[in-house]
N, C-alpha and C. Protein backbone atom coordinates (compact mmCIF):
# COMPACT_ATOMS: atom_id res chain seq x y z
N MET A 1 13.04 5.60 -3.37
CA MET A 1 12.65 4.27 -3.96
C MET A 1 11.96 3.53 -2.68
N THR A 2 10.82 2.91 -2.86
CA THR A 2 10.21 2.19 -1.75
C THR A 2 10.83 0.95 -1.60
N PRO A 3 10.68 0.14 -0.57
CA PRO A 3 11.31 -1.23 -0.20
C PRO A 3 11.20 -2.08 -1.39
N ASN A 4 10.02 -2.20 -2.08
CA ASN A 4 9.73 -3.25 -3.12
C ASN A 4 10.00 -2.77 -4.45
N GLU A 5 10.27 -1.48 -4.59
CA GLU A 5 10.59 -0.88 -6.09
C GLU A 5 11.74 -1.56 -6.60
N GLY A 6 11.68 -2.03 -7.85
CA GLY A 6 12.73 -2.38 -8.60
C GLY A 6 13.16 -3.84 -8.38
N LYS A 7 12.37 -4.57 -7.31
CA LYS A 7 12.64 -5.95 -6.94
C LYS A 7 11.62 -6.96 -7.71
N ILE A 8 12.20 -8.02 -7.96
CA ILE A 8 11.44 -9.09 -8.77
C ILE A 8 10.72 -9.89 -7.79
N ALA A 9 9.59 -10.28 -8.12
CA ALA A 9 8.89 -11.03 -7.26
C ALA A 9 8.97 -12.70 -7.73
N LEU A 10 9.81 -13.19 -7.10
CA LEU A 10 10.09 -14.72 -7.73
C LEU A 10 9.34 -15.53 -7.08
N PRO A 11 9.14 -16.88 -7.67
CA PRO A 11 8.18 -17.76 -7.18
C PRO A 11 8.47 -18.40 -5.87
N ASP A 12 7.48 -18.58 -5.06
CA ASP A 12 7.81 -19.03 -3.84
C ASP A 12 7.79 -20.61 -3.85
N ARG A 13 8.97 -21.07 -3.88
CA ARG A 13 9.21 -22.51 -4.02
C ARG A 13 9.35 -23.30 -2.91
N PRO A 14 8.55 -24.56 -2.57
CA PRO A 14 8.64 -25.29 -1.33
C PRO A 14 10.14 -26.00 -1.27
N THR A 15 10.33 -26.35 -0.05
CA THR A 15 11.59 -27.09 0.14
C THR A 15 11.19 -28.50 -0.04
N ASP A 16 12.23 -29.46 -0.24
CA ASP A 16 12.08 -30.82 -0.33
C ASP A 16 11.63 -31.34 0.94
N GLU A 17 11.93 -30.73 2.11
CA GLU A 17 11.71 -31.28 3.52
C GLU A 17 10.25 -31.04 3.70
N ALA A 18 9.57 -29.89 3.24
CA ALA A 18 8.33 -29.45 3.38
C ALA A 18 7.38 -30.38 2.65
N ILE A 19 7.96 -30.81 1.26
CA ILE A 19 7.16 -31.85 0.50
C ILE A 19 7.08 -33.19 1.07
N ALA A 20 8.30 -33.71 1.64
CA ALA A 20 8.26 -35.05 2.29
C ALA A 20 7.39 -35.14 3.59
N LEU A 21 7.41 -33.90 4.29
CA LEU A 21 6.49 -34.00 5.43
C LEU A 21 5.13 -33.89 5.02
N ALA A 22 4.73 -33.13 3.97
CA ALA A 22 3.39 -33.04 3.61
C ALA A 22 2.73 -34.21 3.17
N HIS A 23 3.68 -35.25 2.44
CA HIS A 23 3.08 -36.43 1.71
C HIS A 23 3.50 -37.71 2.57
N GLY A 24 4.32 -37.39 3.60
CA GLY A 24 4.82 -38.69 4.37
C GLY A 24 5.61 -39.60 3.42
N ILE A 25 6.43 -38.86 2.82
CA ILE A 25 7.53 -39.69 2.03
C ILE A 25 8.99 -39.31 2.28
N ASP A 26 10.22 -40.04 1.98
CA ASP A 26 11.52 -39.55 2.33
C ASP A 26 11.95 -38.52 1.33
N PRO A 27 12.94 -37.85 1.80
CA PRO A 27 13.55 -36.73 1.02
C PRO A 27 13.98 -36.99 -0.22
N ALA A 28 14.42 -38.23 -0.53
CA ALA A 28 14.82 -38.54 -2.03
C ALA A 28 13.70 -38.60 -2.82
N ALA A 29 12.57 -39.15 -2.33
CA ALA A 29 11.27 -39.18 -3.11
C ALA A 29 10.72 -37.91 -3.46
N ALA A 30 10.85 -36.81 -2.38
CA ALA A 30 10.32 -35.80 -2.42
C ALA A 30 11.15 -34.94 -3.44
N ARG A 31 12.37 -35.17 -3.48
CA ARG A 31 13.14 -34.54 -4.68
C ARG A 31 12.80 -35.00 -5.96
N ARG A 32 12.58 -36.23 -6.12
CA ARG A 32 12.12 -36.75 -7.43
C ARG A 32 10.89 -36.05 -7.69
N TRP A 33 9.85 -36.06 -6.82
CA TRP A 33 8.58 -35.59 -7.24
C TRP A 33 8.62 -34.14 -7.77
N VAL A 34 9.37 -33.11 -6.84
CA VAL A 34 9.42 -31.83 -7.23
C VAL A 34 10.13 -31.65 -8.71
N LEU A 35 11.14 -32.48 -8.85
CA LEU A 35 11.70 -32.39 -10.22
C LEU A 35 10.63 -32.88 -11.33
N ALA A 36 10.01 -33.87 -11.00
CA ALA A 36 8.90 -34.29 -12.02
C ALA A 36 7.95 -32.92 -12.38
N VAL A 37 7.48 -32.54 -11.20
CA VAL A 37 6.66 -31.42 -11.38
C VAL A 37 7.17 -30.26 -12.07
N HIS A 38 8.28 -29.91 -11.71
CA HIS A 38 9.11 -28.70 -12.27
C HIS A 38 9.19 -28.84 -13.81
N GLU A 39 9.78 -30.14 -14.20
CA GLU A 39 9.96 -30.41 -15.74
C GLU A 39 8.76 -30.47 -16.38
N ALA A 40 7.70 -30.96 -15.80
CA ALA A 40 6.37 -31.07 -16.42
C ALA A 40 5.84 -29.61 -16.64
N GLY A 41 6.13 -28.72 -15.68
CA GLY A 41 5.71 -27.30 -15.80
C GLY A 41 6.25 -26.66 -16.93
N HIS A 42 7.50 -26.93 -17.20
CA HIS A 42 8.15 -26.55 -18.54
C HIS A 42 7.60 -26.93 -19.78
N ILE A 43 7.13 -28.09 -19.95
CA ILE A 43 6.66 -28.72 -21.11
C ILE A 43 5.23 -28.33 -21.23
N VAL A 44 4.46 -28.32 -20.17
CA VAL A 44 3.04 -27.74 -20.29
C VAL A 44 3.16 -26.32 -20.60
N GLY A 45 3.97 -25.47 -19.86
CA GLY A 45 4.07 -24.07 -20.19
C GLY A 45 4.34 -23.80 -21.79
N ALA A 46 5.44 -24.64 -22.41
CA ALA A 46 5.69 -24.59 -23.69
C ALA A 46 4.53 -25.01 -24.49
N LEU A 47 3.73 -25.89 -24.24
CA LEU A 47 2.54 -26.25 -25.16
C LEU A 47 1.59 -25.16 -25.14
N ALA A 48 1.38 -24.73 -23.89
CA ALA A 48 0.39 -23.53 -23.69
C ALA A 48 0.56 -22.23 -24.36
N HIS A 49 1.93 -22.16 -24.80
CA HIS A 49 2.23 -20.95 -25.47
C HIS A 49 2.72 -21.16 -27.03
N GLY A 50 2.27 -22.39 -27.58
CA GLY A 50 2.46 -22.50 -28.87
C GLY A 50 3.63 -23.58 -29.15
N GLY A 51 4.41 -24.09 -28.39
CA GLY A 51 5.42 -24.91 -28.45
C GLY A 51 4.99 -26.25 -28.86
N ARG A 52 5.99 -27.07 -29.09
CA ARG A 52 5.66 -28.53 -29.58
C ARG A 52 6.15 -29.44 -28.68
N PRO A 53 5.51 -30.76 -28.45
CA PRO A 53 6.07 -31.69 -27.46
C PRO A 53 7.45 -32.14 -27.62
N ALA A 54 8.19 -32.19 -26.65
CA ALA A 54 9.67 -32.46 -26.70
C ALA A 54 9.97 -33.49 -25.71
N PRO A 55 11.35 -34.18 -25.78
CA PRO A 55 11.76 -35.08 -24.91
C PRO A 55 11.95 -34.27 -23.45
N VAL A 56 11.64 -35.11 -22.42
CA VAL A 56 11.92 -34.52 -21.31
C VAL A 56 12.56 -35.58 -20.19
N PHE A 57 13.45 -35.29 -19.31
CA PHE A 57 14.15 -36.23 -18.52
C PHE A 57 14.33 -35.80 -17.12
N LEU A 58 14.31 -36.50 -16.17
CA LEU A 58 14.89 -36.26 -14.84
C LEU A 58 16.46 -36.67 -14.83
N ASP A 59 17.22 -35.96 -14.17
CA ASP A 59 18.71 -36.32 -14.30
C ASP A 59 19.03 -35.74 -12.80
N ASP A 60 20.32 -36.45 -12.54
CA ASP A 60 21.06 -36.20 -11.21
C ASP A 60 21.22 -34.81 -10.77
N ALA A 61 21.00 -33.89 -11.80
CA ALA A 61 21.40 -32.48 -11.47
C ALA A 61 20.21 -31.74 -11.62
N GLY A 62 19.07 -32.42 -11.71
CA GLY A 62 17.80 -31.62 -11.76
C GLY A 62 16.91 -32.47 -12.80
N GLY A 63 16.83 -31.67 -13.97
CA GLY A 63 16.12 -32.30 -15.13
C GLY A 63 16.42 -31.45 -16.63
N ALA A 64 15.93 -31.99 -17.64
CA ALA A 64 16.26 -31.41 -18.82
C ALA A 64 15.01 -31.50 -19.85
N CYS A 65 14.76 -30.58 -20.46
CA CYS A 65 13.81 -30.65 -21.60
C CYS A 65 14.21 -29.58 -22.72
N ALA A 66 13.43 -29.90 -23.83
CA ALA A 66 13.75 -28.95 -24.95
C ALA A 66 12.24 -28.28 -25.46
N ALA A 67 12.23 -26.86 -25.32
CA ALA A 67 11.06 -26.28 -25.73
C ALA A 67 11.17 -25.88 -27.28
N LEU A 68 10.74 -26.83 -27.90
CA LEU A 68 10.97 -26.57 -29.52
C LEU A 68 9.76 -25.58 -30.00
N GLY A 69 10.33 -24.68 -30.85
CA GLY A 69 9.35 -23.78 -31.47
C GLY A 69 9.18 -22.52 -30.52
N LEU A 70 9.84 -22.17 -29.38
CA LEU A 70 9.70 -21.18 -28.55
C LEU A 70 11.13 -20.42 -28.67
N ARG A 71 10.88 -18.90 -28.78
CA ARG A 71 12.06 -18.09 -28.60
C ARG A 71 11.64 -16.83 -27.76
N GLY A 72 12.32 -16.11 -27.29
CA GLY A 72 12.21 -14.88 -26.72
C GLY A 72 11.20 -14.88 -25.51
N TYR A 73 10.00 -14.21 -25.73
CA TYR A 73 9.21 -14.02 -24.58
C TYR A 73 8.40 -15.42 -24.15
N THR A 74 8.13 -16.15 -25.15
CA THR A 74 7.52 -17.22 -24.90
C THR A 74 8.38 -18.39 -24.26
N LEU A 75 9.60 -18.34 -24.57
CA LEU A 75 10.64 -19.30 -24.10
C LEU A 75 10.80 -18.88 -22.73
N ALA A 76 10.92 -17.45 -22.38
CA ALA A 76 11.11 -17.12 -21.10
C ALA A 76 9.94 -17.69 -20.06
N ILE A 77 8.73 -17.41 -20.54
CA ILE A 77 7.56 -17.92 -19.89
C ILE A 77 7.67 -19.44 -19.61
N ALA A 78 7.91 -20.23 -20.44
CA ALA A 78 8.08 -21.75 -20.48
C ALA A 78 9.16 -22.07 -19.29
N ALA A 79 10.34 -21.32 -19.43
CA ALA A 79 11.28 -21.49 -18.49
C ALA A 79 10.93 -21.09 -16.93
N ALA A 80 10.20 -19.97 -16.84
CA ALA A 80 9.71 -19.65 -15.53
C ALA A 80 8.41 -20.46 -15.02
N CYS A 81 7.66 -21.42 -16.06
CA CYS A 81 6.73 -22.17 -15.52
C CYS A 81 7.30 -23.43 -14.70
N GLY A 82 8.59 -23.70 -14.89
CA GLY A 82 9.03 -24.76 -14.08
C GLY A 82 9.01 -24.46 -12.63
N PRO A 83 9.78 -23.41 -12.16
CA PRO A 83 9.83 -22.99 -10.80
C PRO A 83 8.29 -22.68 -10.16
N ALA A 84 7.39 -22.18 -11.23
CA ALA A 84 6.09 -21.63 -10.80
C ALA A 84 5.27 -22.93 -10.39
N ALA A 85 5.57 -24.11 -11.13
CA ALA A 85 4.71 -25.24 -10.96
C ALA A 85 5.02 -26.02 -9.64
N GLU A 86 6.23 -25.63 -9.06
CA GLU A 86 6.55 -26.47 -7.93
C GLU A 86 5.69 -26.38 -6.73
N ARG A 87 4.79 -25.48 -6.54
CA ARG A 87 3.85 -25.41 -5.50
C ARG A 87 2.91 -26.61 -5.63
N LEU A 88 2.63 -27.03 -6.91
CA LEU A 88 1.85 -28.21 -7.11
C LEU A 88 2.36 -29.50 -6.40
N ALA A 89 3.64 -29.69 -6.32
CA ALA A 89 4.45 -30.78 -5.60
C ALA A 89 3.99 -30.78 -4.04
N LEU A 90 3.76 -29.67 -3.61
CA LEU A 90 3.46 -29.47 -2.17
C LEU A 90 1.95 -29.75 -1.90
N SER A 91 1.16 -29.22 -2.78
CA SER A 91 -0.38 -29.54 -2.65
C SER A 91 -0.98 -30.64 -3.14
N ASP A 92 -0.16 -31.46 -4.04
CA ASP A 92 -0.65 -32.74 -4.52
C ASP A 92 0.53 -33.70 -4.52
N ALA A 93 -0.01 -35.09 -3.81
CA ALA A 93 0.90 -35.92 -3.73
C ALA A 93 1.35 -36.72 -4.88
N PRO A 94 2.60 -37.41 -5.09
CA PRO A 94 2.84 -38.16 -6.05
C PRO A 94 1.73 -39.29 -6.25
N PRO A 95 1.59 -39.89 -7.33
CA PRO A 95 0.35 -40.67 -7.71
C PRO A 95 0.72 -42.01 -7.18
N CYS A 96 1.81 -42.59 -6.93
CA CYS A 96 1.96 -43.90 -6.36
C CYS A 96 3.47 -43.81 -5.87
N PRO A 97 3.98 -44.89 -4.93
CA PRO A 97 5.28 -44.91 -4.75
C PRO A 97 6.26 -44.97 -6.06
N ALA A 98 7.46 -44.39 -5.85
CA ALA A 98 8.39 -44.40 -7.01
C ALA A 98 8.92 -45.85 -7.07
N PRO A 99 9.08 -46.33 -8.25
CA PRO A 99 9.58 -47.51 -8.70
C PRO A 99 10.94 -47.92 -7.67
N GLU A 100 11.02 -49.08 -7.32
CA GLU A 100 12.25 -49.50 -6.40
C GLU A 100 13.42 -49.14 -7.26
N ASP A 101 13.41 -49.50 -8.42
CA ASP A 101 14.52 -49.43 -9.24
C ASP A 101 14.82 -48.07 -9.90
N ALA A 102 14.08 -47.15 -9.69
CA ALA A 102 14.13 -45.78 -10.21
C ALA A 102 15.42 -45.20 -10.03
N VAL A 103 16.03 -44.70 -11.04
CA VAL A 103 17.38 -44.31 -11.32
C VAL A 103 17.28 -43.06 -11.96
N LEU A 104 18.00 -41.85 -11.58
CA LEU A 104 18.16 -40.63 -12.31
C LEU A 104 19.26 -40.72 -13.30
N HIS A 105 18.63 -40.41 -14.53
CA HIS A 105 20.06 -40.32 -15.70
C HIS A 105 20.95 -39.29 -15.07
N SER A 106 22.22 -39.59 -15.46
CA SER A 106 23.20 -38.50 -15.26
C SER A 106 23.04 -37.36 -16.21
N GLN A 107 23.37 -36.19 -15.79
CA GLN A 107 23.26 -34.83 -16.50
C GLN A 107 23.99 -35.22 -17.86
N THR A 108 25.26 -35.66 -17.90
CA THR A 108 26.00 -35.88 -19.08
C THR A 108 25.25 -36.74 -20.18
N ALA A 109 24.68 -37.78 -19.66
CA ALA A 109 23.87 -38.78 -20.48
C ALA A 109 22.64 -38.21 -20.82
N VAL A 110 22.08 -37.23 -20.34
CA VAL A 110 20.82 -36.65 -20.66
C VAL A 110 21.15 -35.70 -21.76
N ALA A 111 22.33 -34.90 -21.63
CA ALA A 111 22.70 -33.94 -22.60
C ALA A 111 23.11 -34.78 -23.98
N ALA A 112 23.62 -35.78 -23.82
CA ALA A 112 24.02 -36.69 -25.09
C ALA A 112 22.72 -37.01 -25.66
N MET A 113 21.65 -37.63 -25.05
CA MET A 113 20.50 -38.15 -25.50
C MET A 113 19.78 -37.02 -26.31
N LEU A 114 19.59 -35.93 -25.41
CA LEU A 114 18.93 -34.65 -26.18
C LEU A 114 19.54 -34.31 -27.58
N GLU A 115 20.80 -34.37 -27.59
CA GLU A 115 21.62 -33.87 -28.76
C GLU A 115 21.36 -34.93 -29.83
N GLU A 116 21.34 -36.24 -29.45
CA GLU A 116 21.03 -37.35 -30.39
C GLU A 116 19.58 -37.17 -31.01
N ILE A 117 18.81 -37.00 -30.12
CA ILE A 117 17.20 -36.96 -30.58
C ILE A 117 16.92 -35.75 -31.33
N LEU A 118 17.47 -34.50 -30.91
CA LEU A 118 17.19 -33.16 -31.40
C LEU A 118 18.12 -32.61 -32.50
N GLY A 119 19.25 -33.24 -32.48
CA GLY A 119 20.30 -32.66 -33.26
C GLY A 119 20.00 -32.51 -34.70
N ALA A 120 19.11 -33.35 -35.36
CA ALA A 120 18.76 -33.24 -36.63
C ALA A 120 17.55 -32.44 -36.94
N SER A 121 17.04 -31.85 -35.88
CA SER A 121 15.88 -31.01 -36.02
C SER A 121 16.13 -29.85 -36.89
N ALA A 122 15.20 -29.47 -37.70
CA ALA A 122 15.22 -28.18 -38.55
C ALA A 122 15.28 -27.00 -37.68
N ASP A 123 14.82 -27.01 -36.40
CA ASP A 123 14.82 -26.01 -35.50
C ASP A 123 16.17 -26.13 -34.64
N SER A 124 16.57 -25.03 -34.19
CA SER A 124 17.93 -25.05 -33.18
C SER A 124 17.16 -24.97 -31.91
N PRO A 125 17.16 -26.14 -31.13
CA PRO A 125 16.40 -26.15 -29.90
C PRO A 125 16.93 -25.44 -28.90
N GLU A 126 15.97 -24.81 -28.01
CA GLU A 126 16.62 -24.22 -26.84
C GLU A 126 16.53 -25.15 -25.58
N ALA A 127 17.48 -25.41 -24.92
CA ALA A 127 17.52 -26.23 -23.86
C ALA A 127 16.86 -25.44 -22.57
N VAL A 128 15.82 -26.09 -21.90
CA VAL A 128 15.19 -25.34 -20.81
C VAL A 128 15.53 -26.37 -19.56
N THR A 129 16.44 -25.97 -18.79
CA THR A 129 16.77 -26.84 -17.73
C THR A 129 16.70 -26.10 -16.44
N GLY A 130 16.59 -26.83 -15.30
CA GLY A 130 16.37 -26.20 -13.85
C GLY A 130 17.41 -25.29 -13.64
N PRO A 131 18.74 -25.37 -13.68
CA PRO A 131 19.69 -24.47 -13.36
C PRO A 131 19.62 -23.15 -14.03
N SER A 132 19.30 -23.36 -15.36
CA SER A 132 19.30 -22.01 -16.33
C SER A 132 17.85 -21.32 -16.41
N ASP A 133 16.90 -21.75 -15.70
CA ASP A 133 15.72 -21.13 -15.84
C ASP A 133 15.76 -19.45 -15.61
N ALA A 134 16.39 -19.04 -14.50
CA ALA A 134 16.72 -17.80 -14.30
C ALA A 134 17.59 -16.99 -15.40
N ARG A 135 18.36 -17.58 -15.82
CA ARG A 135 19.13 -17.02 -16.85
C ARG A 135 18.28 -16.83 -18.26
N ILE A 136 17.50 -17.65 -18.55
CA ILE A 136 16.72 -17.62 -19.62
C ILE A 136 15.76 -16.37 -19.61
N VAL A 137 15.03 -16.23 -18.32
CA VAL A 137 14.38 -15.15 -18.05
C VAL A 137 15.13 -13.79 -18.01
N ALA A 138 16.35 -13.81 -17.40
CA ALA A 138 17.18 -12.75 -17.47
C ALA A 138 17.64 -12.18 -18.77
N GLU A 139 17.87 -13.18 -19.61
CA GLU A 139 18.39 -12.72 -21.10
C GLU A 139 17.21 -11.97 -21.89
N TRP A 140 15.88 -12.57 -21.69
CA TRP A 140 14.86 -11.94 -22.26
C TRP A 140 14.56 -10.51 -21.61
N THR A 141 14.75 -10.45 -20.41
CA THR A 141 14.47 -9.32 -19.65
C THR A 141 15.49 -8.06 -20.11
N ILE A 142 16.78 -8.47 -20.25
CA ILE A 142 17.62 -7.41 -20.58
C ILE A 142 18.04 -7.22 -21.95
N THR A 143 17.90 -8.19 -22.81
CA THR A 143 18.14 -7.96 -24.25
C THR A 143 17.29 -6.98 -24.99
N GLY A 144 17.84 -6.14 -25.41
CA GLY A 144 17.24 -4.78 -26.07
C GLY A 144 17.00 -3.69 -25.10
N PHE A 145 17.26 -3.99 -23.76
CA PHE A 145 16.94 -2.83 -22.76
C PHE A 145 18.19 -2.76 -21.94
N GLU A 146 19.50 -3.01 -22.40
CA GLU A 146 20.53 -2.84 -21.87
C GLU A 146 20.85 -1.61 -21.13
N ALA A 147 20.30 -0.51 -21.75
CA ALA A 147 20.61 0.83 -21.35
C ALA A 147 19.31 1.31 -20.33
N ASP A 148 18.38 0.31 -20.15
CA ASP A 148 17.38 0.85 -19.33
C ASP A 148 17.12 -0.10 -18.14
N PRO A 149 18.05 -0.30 -17.27
CA PRO A 149 17.90 -1.27 -16.22
C PRO A 149 16.69 -0.89 -15.24
N ASN A 150 16.18 0.12 -15.24
CA ASN A 150 15.10 0.33 -14.43
C ASN A 150 13.95 -0.57 -14.77
N SER A 151 13.96 -1.00 -16.21
CA SER A 151 12.72 -1.75 -16.79
C SER A 151 12.99 -3.17 -16.39
N TRP A 152 14.10 -3.56 -15.91
CA TRP A 152 14.30 -5.10 -15.88
C TRP A 152 13.50 -5.73 -14.85
N ALA A 153 13.23 -5.13 -13.78
CA ALA A 153 12.43 -5.79 -12.87
C ALA A 153 10.97 -6.02 -13.19
N GLY A 154 10.49 -4.97 -13.91
CA GLY A 154 9.03 -4.78 -14.46
C GLY A 154 8.91 -6.02 -15.48
N ARG A 155 9.95 -6.10 -16.48
CA ARG A 155 9.79 -7.02 -17.44
C ARG A 155 9.90 -8.49 -16.95
N ALA A 156 10.89 -8.96 -16.10
CA ALA A 156 11.01 -10.20 -15.47
C ALA A 156 9.67 -10.45 -14.65
N GLY A 157 9.14 -9.47 -13.89
CA GLY A 157 7.90 -9.70 -13.18
C GLY A 157 6.79 -10.20 -14.02
N GLU A 158 6.73 -9.47 -15.35
CA GLU A 158 5.77 -9.81 -16.16
C GLU A 158 5.74 -11.35 -16.70
N VAL A 159 6.95 -11.77 -16.84
CA VAL A 159 7.27 -13.14 -17.25
C VAL A 159 6.85 -14.15 -16.01
N TYR A 160 7.17 -13.75 -14.89
CA TYR A 160 6.90 -14.66 -13.77
C TYR A 160 5.31 -14.71 -13.56
N LEU A 161 4.75 -13.66 -13.79
CA LEU A 161 3.26 -13.46 -13.56
C LEU A 161 2.62 -14.35 -14.49
N ARG A 162 2.87 -14.34 -15.75
CA ARG A 162 2.41 -15.06 -16.85
C ARG A 162 2.67 -16.57 -16.58
N ALA A 163 3.83 -16.83 -16.18
CA ALA A 163 4.01 -18.31 -15.70
C ALA A 163 3.24 -18.85 -14.62
N ARG A 164 2.94 -17.90 -13.62
CA ARG A 164 1.84 -18.35 -12.55
C ARG A 164 0.45 -18.50 -13.19
N TRP A 165 0.03 -17.59 -14.02
CA TRP A 165 -1.27 -17.71 -14.64
C TRP A 165 -1.32 -19.15 -15.39
N THR A 166 -0.18 -19.33 -16.21
CA THR A 166 -0.21 -20.58 -16.93
C THR A 166 -0.32 -21.89 -16.10
N VAL A 167 0.35 -21.84 -15.14
CA VAL A 167 0.24 -22.95 -14.05
C VAL A 167 -1.17 -23.04 -13.60
N GLN A 168 -1.72 -21.84 -13.08
CA GLN A 168 -2.95 -21.87 -12.47
C GLN A 168 -3.98 -22.39 -13.54
N GLY A 169 -3.75 -22.22 -14.74
CA GLY A 169 -4.67 -22.70 -15.79
C GLY A 169 -4.59 -24.04 -16.24
N TYR A 170 -3.50 -24.73 -16.00
CA TYR A 170 -3.16 -26.11 -16.56
C TYR A 170 -2.70 -27.08 -15.49
N PRO A 171 -3.26 -27.00 -14.16
CA PRO A 171 -2.61 -28.04 -13.19
C PRO A 171 -2.82 -29.23 -13.51
N GLY A 172 -3.96 -29.67 -14.05
CA GLY A 172 -4.26 -31.01 -14.42
C GLY A 172 -3.24 -31.61 -15.34
N PRO A 173 -2.93 -31.20 -16.65
CA PRO A 173 -1.98 -31.54 -17.39
C PRO A 173 -0.53 -31.61 -16.67
N ILE A 174 -0.20 -30.64 -16.02
CA ILE A 174 1.05 -30.61 -15.31
C ILE A 174 1.30 -32.03 -14.33
N LEU A 175 0.31 -32.14 -13.61
CA LEU A 175 0.27 -33.33 -12.82
C LEU A 175 0.16 -34.64 -13.41
N ILE A 176 -0.47 -34.69 -14.56
CA ILE A 176 -0.54 -35.93 -15.39
C ILE A 176 0.84 -36.28 -15.92
N LEU A 177 1.53 -35.23 -16.58
CA LEU A 177 2.75 -35.45 -17.05
C LEU A 177 3.81 -35.76 -15.82
N ALA A 178 3.58 -34.92 -14.90
CA ALA A 178 4.54 -35.15 -13.74
C ALA A 178 4.49 -36.63 -13.09
N GLY A 179 3.25 -37.18 -13.12
CA GLY A 179 3.11 -38.50 -12.70
C GLY A 179 3.96 -39.60 -13.48
N GLU A 180 3.90 -39.17 -14.92
CA GLU A 180 4.71 -40.19 -15.83
C GLU A 180 6.24 -39.97 -15.60
N LEU A 181 6.60 -38.86 -15.34
CA LEU A 181 8.08 -38.66 -14.97
C LEU A 181 8.47 -39.22 -13.69
N TRP A 182 7.56 -38.98 -12.77
CA TRP A 182 7.80 -39.65 -11.48
C TRP A 182 8.09 -41.25 -11.47
N ARG A 183 7.20 -41.91 -12.43
CA ARG A 183 7.30 -43.28 -12.61
C ARG A 183 8.40 -43.81 -13.42
N GLN A 184 8.48 -43.07 -14.68
CA GLN A 184 9.55 -43.53 -15.64
C GLN A 184 10.75 -42.79 -15.75
N GLY A 185 10.92 -41.63 -15.25
CA GLY A 185 12.04 -40.66 -15.40
C GLY A 185 12.25 -39.98 -16.57
N HIS A 186 11.34 -40.14 -17.62
CA HIS A 186 11.42 -39.56 -18.80
C HIS A 186 10.03 -39.69 -19.55
N ALA A 187 9.98 -38.77 -20.76
CA ALA A 187 8.75 -38.94 -21.42
C ALA A 187 9.26 -38.35 -22.86
N MET A 188 8.96 -39.23 -23.92
CA MET A 188 9.16 -38.77 -25.32
C MET A 188 8.13 -38.14 -25.86
N PRO A 189 8.16 -37.23 -27.00
CA PRO A 189 7.06 -36.56 -27.49
C PRO A 189 5.99 -37.26 -27.60
N SER A 190 6.00 -38.46 -28.37
CA SER A 190 4.91 -39.19 -28.61
C SER A 190 4.17 -39.63 -27.38
N ARG A 191 4.81 -39.79 -26.28
CA ARG A 191 4.21 -40.14 -25.03
C ARG A 191 3.44 -38.81 -24.36
N VAL A 192 4.10 -37.72 -24.51
CA VAL A 192 3.51 -36.47 -24.12
C VAL A 192 2.14 -36.25 -24.98
N ARG A 193 2.23 -36.59 -26.23
CA ARG A 193 0.99 -36.27 -27.00
C ARG A 193 -0.05 -37.14 -26.52
N GLU A 194 0.17 -38.37 -26.22
CA GLU A 194 -0.82 -39.39 -25.74
C GLU A 194 -1.50 -38.92 -24.33
N LEU A 195 -0.60 -38.44 -23.52
CA LEU A 195 -0.99 -37.87 -22.06
C LEU A 195 -1.67 -36.63 -22.18
N LEU A 196 -1.35 -35.73 -23.12
CA LEU A 196 -1.85 -34.24 -22.94
C LEU A 196 -2.75 -33.97 -24.50
N ASP A 197 -3.70 -33.38 -24.21
CA ASP A 197 -4.35 -32.85 -25.43
C ASP A 197 -4.49 -31.41 -25.57
N PHE A 198 -3.50 -30.80 -26.38
CA PHE A 198 -3.46 -29.41 -26.23
C PHE A 198 -3.95 -28.94 -27.70
N THR A 199 -4.69 -29.68 -28.29
CA THR A 199 -5.15 -29.15 -29.72
C THR A 199 -5.88 -27.82 -29.66
N ASP A 200 -6.73 -27.63 -28.62
CA ASP A 200 -7.51 -26.32 -28.49
C ASP A 200 -6.73 -25.38 -27.57
N ALA A 201 -5.69 -25.73 -26.87
CA ALA A 201 -5.22 -24.82 -25.74
C ALA A 201 -3.93 -24.26 -26.26
N ALA A 202 -3.24 -24.56 -27.30
CA ALA A 202 -1.93 -24.09 -27.69
C ALA A 202 -1.84 -22.69 -27.84
N ASP A 203 -3.30 -22.24 -28.43
CA ASP A 203 -3.18 -20.76 -28.74
C ASP A 203 -3.38 -19.94 -27.57
N GLY A 204 -3.44 -20.52 -26.25
CA GLY A 204 -3.45 -19.65 -24.98
C GLY A 204 -4.88 -19.40 -24.74
N ARG A 205 -5.93 -19.88 -25.28
CA ARG A 205 -7.17 -19.39 -25.06
C ARG A 205 -7.69 -19.71 -23.56
N LYS A 206 -7.18 -20.67 -22.98
CA LYS A 206 -7.63 -21.16 -21.42
C LYS A 206 -6.93 -20.08 -20.72
N GLU A 207 -5.71 -19.71 -20.91
CA GLU A 207 -4.99 -18.73 -20.23
C GLU A 207 -5.66 -17.39 -20.23
N ALA A 208 -6.14 -16.95 -21.59
CA ALA A 208 -6.77 -15.79 -21.61
C ALA A 208 -8.01 -15.62 -20.84
N GLU A 209 -8.65 -16.69 -20.41
CA GLU A 209 -9.95 -16.76 -19.67
C GLU A 209 -9.82 -16.42 -18.18
N LEU A 210 -8.54 -16.54 -17.82
CA LEU A 210 -8.38 -16.45 -16.27
C LEU A 210 -8.45 -15.09 -15.63
């Protein structure tokens, strides 16, 4: 086996310190900006692969959103789009100083809000949150291939590659939504629709042109 065989190429994620230094902001602001870009990556990744706008929040443990309408492969890609988008937080500065009274919701409060908002949905929403991104990808990677571990790295690598392509295809929408999350700390589906027009993009044609 060669040194790279069987290994998964995970996204190269910038540190909060690097982002703070690049943009001349304090580490707390850098953390808020990378969280905003990460969660925006999930939502835009979901929309680019046929999902529907969903509530998204920043919280004190990271962030949370729901990728409605996605399952399996496309859900895994949307999960991987969060980490893949974080490079944009390094290359692009936040649009303005964070509000002085900006407060991150608690993770418990966000979970309760998502349950209240989505609990009556006809779909059973899949939560896509920072800490479980890798687990979502891993579950898709392994399910149905439990007896073939040699295939896992290739399957996961495909998901992360598609996520990188998606982020490369939609940096503008990601940064627009990230700016809203940076300022407000959340975005409801109606606001996501106002900010982003995915009428012609949800079928993935932009990604196919890359």
